[in-house]
Protein backbone atom coordinates (compact mmCIF):
# COMPACT_ATOMS: atom_id res chain seq x y z
CA MET A 1 52.87 69.50 -7.56
CA ARG A 2 53.01 67.55 -10.83
CA VAL A 3 50.32 65.16 -9.54
CA ALA A 4 48.05 68.06 -8.63
CA THR A 5 48.63 69.65 -12.03
CA ALA A 6 47.85 66.39 -13.85
CA ARG A 7 44.65 65.99 -11.87
CA ALA A 8 43.63 69.55 -12.67
CA GLU A 9 44.31 68.99 -16.37
CA ARG A 10 42.24 65.78 -16.38
CA ALA A 11 39.41 67.55 -14.58
CA MET A 12 39.53 70.37 -17.13
CA GLU A 13 39.49 67.89 -20.04
CA SER A 14 36.54 66.06 -18.49
CA HIS A 15 34.70 69.36 -18.04
CA ARG A 16 35.37 70.35 -21.66
CA ALA A 17 34.13 66.95 -22.88
CA GLY A 18 30.94 67.33 -20.84
CA VAL A 19 30.33 70.82 -22.17
CA GLY A 20 30.96 69.61 -25.72
CA ALA A 21 28.50 66.74 -25.35
CA LEU A 22 25.89 69.09 -23.92
CA CYS A 23 26.34 71.55 -26.78
CA LEU A 24 26.04 68.73 -29.32
CA ALA A 25 22.84 67.47 -27.68
CA LEU A 26 21.38 70.99 -27.66
CA MET A 27 22.28 71.44 -31.33
CA MET A 28 20.58 68.16 -32.23
CA MET A 29 17.48 69.11 -30.24
CA SER A 30 17.44 72.50 -31.93
CA GLU A 31 17.73 70.95 -35.39
CA HIS A 32 14.94 68.50 -34.54
CA SER A 33 12.69 71.33 -33.31
CA VAL A 34 13.38 73.41 -36.41
CA ALA A 35 12.58 70.43 -38.65
CA GLN A 36 9.27 69.81 -36.87
CA SER A 37 8.35 73.50 -36.82
CA GLN A 38 8.43 73.63 -40.62
CA LEU A 39 4.83 72.38 -40.57
CA SER A 40 1.69 74.14 -39.44
CA GLN A 41 -0.75 72.46 -37.08
CA THR A 42 -3.07 71.87 -40.03
CA GLU A 43 -0.29 70.11 -41.94
CA VAL A 44 0.55 67.98 -38.91
CA TYR A 45 -3.13 67.00 -38.71
CA GLN A 46 -3.11 66.10 -42.41
CA ALA A 47 0.02 64.00 -41.97
CA GLN A 48 -1.50 62.21 -38.98
CA SER A 49 -4.68 61.56 -40.95
CA ARG A 50 -2.71 59.98 -43.79
CA LEU A 51 -0.78 57.81 -41.31
CA PHE A 52 -4.07 56.80 -39.65
CA GLU A 53 -5.76 55.98 -42.95
CA SER A 54 -2.72 53.89 -43.89
CA ASN A 55 -2.97 51.89 -40.63
CA PHE A 56 0.28 53.26 -39.17
CA LEU A 57 -1.21 55.57 -36.53
CA THR A 58 -3.70 54.19 -34.01
CA ARG A 59 -4.87 57.42 -32.40
CA ILE A 60 -7.25 60.03 -33.79
CA PRO A 61 -5.27 62.97 -35.26
CA ASP A 62 -4.96 66.01 -33.02
CA GLY A 63 -2.49 68.23 -34.89
CA ARG A 64 0.23 67.79 -32.25
CA ILE A 65 3.44 65.85 -32.80
CA GLY A 66 3.98 63.23 -30.11
CA GLN A 67 5.80 59.94 -29.78
CA ARG A 68 2.94 57.95 -31.32
CA THR A 69 3.06 60.13 -34.42
CA LEU A 70 6.83 59.79 -34.74
CA ASP A 71 6.65 56.01 -34.26
CA ALA A 72 3.95 55.82 -36.94
CA LEU A 73 6.11 57.94 -39.24
CA ARG A 74 9.06 55.59 -38.75
CA ALA A 75 6.84 52.61 -39.57
CA TRP A 76 5.73 54.33 -42.78
CA GLN A 77 9.33 55.21 -43.63
CA ARG A 78 10.35 51.60 -43.04
CA GLN A 79 7.60 50.22 -45.28
CA THR A 80 8.33 52.70 -48.06
CA LYS A 81 12.10 52.06 -47.73
CA ARG A 82 12.90 55.63 -46.75
CA PRO A 83 15.50 56.65 -44.14
CA GLN A 84 13.90 56.06 -40.73
CA THR A 85 14.54 59.52 -39.32
CA GLY A 86 11.30 59.79 -37.38
CA GLU A 87 11.24 63.49 -38.28
CA LEU A 88 8.16 65.05 -39.83
CA THR A 89 9.94 67.56 -42.03
CA LYS A 90 8.40 69.42 -44.95
CA LYS A 91 10.08 66.98 -47.33
CA GLU A 92 8.65 63.95 -45.50
CA PHE A 93 5.25 65.62 -45.34
CA ASP A 94 5.22 66.10 -49.12
CA GLN A 95 6.19 62.46 -49.69
CA LEU A 96 3.59 61.25 -47.20
CA MET A 97 0.85 63.25 -48.93
CA ARG A 98 1.77 61.51 -52.21
CA PHE A 99 1.50 58.08 -50.58
CA ASP A 100 -1.58 56.14 -51.69
CA PRO A 101 -3.03 54.11 -48.80
CA GLY A 102 -5.43 52.34 -51.16
CA LYS A 103 -9.13 51.75 -50.61
CA HIS A 104 -10.27 50.74 -47.15
CA ALA A 105 -13.51 49.71 -45.51
CA TRP A 106 -13.16 50.85 -41.92
CA GLU A 107 -14.79 49.76 -38.69
CA ALA A 108 -14.38 51.05 -35.16
CA ILE A 109 -15.51 49.96 -31.72
CA SER A 110 -15.62 52.28 -28.74
CA GLY A 111 -16.33 51.15 -25.18
CA SER A 112 -16.27 52.38 -21.61
CA ILE A 113 -15.75 50.84 -18.18
CA ASP A 114 -19.50 50.84 -17.50
CA GLY A 115 -20.03 48.32 -20.31
CA THR A 116 -21.29 50.81 -22.90
CA TRP A 117 -20.13 50.11 -26.44
CA ILE A 118 -20.72 51.41 -29.95
CA ALA A 119 -19.63 49.78 -33.22
CA VAL A 120 -19.59 51.29 -36.71
CA TRP A 121 -18.42 49.87 -40.02
CA GLY A 122 -18.36 50.43 -43.76
CA HIS A 123 -16.61 53.79 -43.57
CA SER A 124 -14.15 54.89 -46.24
CA SER A 125 -12.30 57.02 -43.67
CA GLY A 126 -10.73 55.52 -40.57
CA VAL A 127 -10.66 58.89 -38.82
CA ASP A 128 -14.40 59.35 -39.40
CA ALA A 129 -15.15 55.82 -38.19
CA ALA A 130 -13.13 56.25 -34.99
CA LYS A 131 -14.60 59.68 -34.26
CA LYS A 132 -18.16 58.45 -34.80
CA ALA A 133 -17.72 55.42 -32.54
CA LEU A 134 -16.03 57.48 -29.83
CA ALA A 135 -18.70 60.20 -29.96
CA GLY A 136 -21.43 57.57 -29.74
CA CYS A 137 -19.85 55.98 -26.67
CA GLN A 138 -19.35 59.33 -24.96
CA LYS A 139 -22.98 60.26 -25.59
CA LYS A 140 -24.37 56.95 -24.32
CA SER A 141 -22.01 56.12 -21.43
CA SER A 142 -22.33 57.22 -17.82
CA ARG A 143 -18.52 57.38 -17.87
CA PRO A 144 -17.84 59.27 -21.12
CA ASP A 145 -14.29 60.23 -20.16
CA ASP A 146 -13.42 56.53 -19.95
CA CYS A 147 -14.46 55.74 -23.52
CA SER A 148 -11.64 54.33 -25.63
CA TYR A 149 -11.68 52.92 -29.14
CA VAL A 150 -10.04 50.59 -31.61
CA SER A 151 -10.32 50.58 -35.38
CA ASN A 152 -9.17 48.49 -38.32
CA SER A 153 -9.93 48.05 -41.98
CA VAL A 154 -10.31 45.73 -44.91
CA ASP A 155 -7.78 46.85 -47.50
CA ARG A 156 -5.62 45.53 -50.32
CA SER A 157 -3.47 43.57 -47.86
CA GLY A 158 -6.47 41.68 -46.49
CA PRO A 159 -9.04 41.89 -43.70
CA GLY A 160 -8.50 43.57 -40.37
CA TRP A 161 -10.67 42.77 -37.36
CA SER A 162 -11.43 44.46 -34.06
CA ALA A 163 -12.82 42.88 -30.92
CA ALA A 164 -14.23 44.23 -27.67
CA VAL A 165 -14.30 42.19 -24.46
CA PHE A 166 -15.96 43.52 -21.30
CA CYS A 167 -14.88 42.21 -17.90
CA GLU A 168 -16.45 42.84 -14.53
CA GLN A 169 -15.45 42.02 -10.97
CA ARG A 170 -18.11 42.33 -8.29
CA GLY A 171 -17.49 42.52 -4.55
CA LEU A 172 -19.55 43.38 -1.50
CA PHE A 173 -18.71 47.05 -1.64
CA ARG A 174 -17.30 47.70 -5.08
CA ARG A 175 -17.66 46.84 -8.71
CA LYS A 176 -14.83 47.01 -11.21
CA GLY A 177 -15.45 47.01 -14.93
CA GLN A 178 -13.06 47.31 -17.84
CA MET A 179 -13.35 47.17 -21.61
CA PHE A 180 -10.56 45.53 -23.59
CA LEU A 181 -10.29 46.50 -27.26
CA HIS A 182 -7.90 44.85 -29.68
CA ASN A 183 -7.04 44.48 -33.36
CA GLY A 184 -6.14 41.32 -35.24
CA LEU A 185 -5.62 39.98 -38.74
CA SER A 186 -8.48 37.55 -38.15
CA ARG A 187 -11.58 37.39 -35.96
CA LYS A 188 -9.98 34.79 -33.71
CA ALA A 189 -6.73 36.74 -33.38
CA ALA A 190 -8.53 39.93 -32.35
CA ILE A 191 -10.67 38.08 -29.79
CA ASP A 192 -7.75 36.09 -28.39
CA GLN A 193 -5.66 39.22 -27.92
CA ALA A 194 -8.52 41.04 -26.18
CA PHE A 195 -8.98 38.13 -23.76
CA ALA A 196 -5.21 37.93 -23.26
CA ALA A 197 -5.15 41.62 -22.30
CA ALA A 198 -7.96 40.94 -19.81
CA SER A 199 -6.00 38.05 -18.32
CA THR A 200 -2.94 40.27 -17.93
CA ALA A 201 -5.15 42.71 -16.02
CA LYS A 202 -6.04 39.87 -13.58
CA PHE A 203 -9.55 39.17 -14.85
CA ARG A 204 -10.68 35.54 -15.00
CA SER A 205 -12.25 34.30 -18.23
CA SER A 206 -15.51 33.68 -16.36
CA GLN A 207 -15.64 37.41 -15.57
CA CYS A 208 -15.34 38.43 -19.23
CA THR A 209 -17.75 38.49 -22.15
CA LEU A 210 -17.18 39.07 -25.84
CA VAL A 211 -19.08 42.24 -26.69
CA LYS A 212 -18.34 42.59 -30.39
CA ALA A 213 -16.02 41.41 -33.13
CA LEU A 214 -16.24 42.69 -36.69
CA ASP A 215 -14.32 43.75 -39.76
CA GLY A 216 -14.65 46.83 -41.94
CA ASN A 217 -17.41 45.28 -44.02
CA GLY A 218 -19.50 44.49 -40.96
CA ARG A 219 -18.81 40.76 -40.88
CA GLN A 220 -19.13 39.44 -37.33
């Protein structure tokens, strides 16, 4: 009887611990949701734009908070020596809007799996450069939904380069093409990383061609 009672007590304690952990997790999720909901979609877009222009975010702003945005926010918090909460609260938004990303000369390359590519440079806004390159690719390509892009800038920390490498495998009954876009701190680094990505995707170097490499000032 005592053994059965002890087992029942342990089971009850385990159940209480599980319920407590669940409640704590729900409270943390609720607090996180409340913190994020302090901002409007327009403010989220503005925050993403500032992160993009500061070279922390690599995707065009869309006004929705996702993992890429939170990772970019943590990177900004780390650089500015702020607590790395990864939460886009109203307080963090205000601090981010005060952050000066400095002057940039932006470039962007957009390419699709059919080999289409568009390059732009000399833009003061990274968002504008990326949008223009992407729109150009989508207009020109036979596979507009497969257009992707990469962008970088020349800023106070030095030059940033982008490179595009197109690879193609041809068989008797099918043709496979893929565009590899990569950033780098130098022309060589950007090109090497693009070719490395192609190699990882099982393309031979003989099947790949450098399409474009440039920095924000248009140097190639």
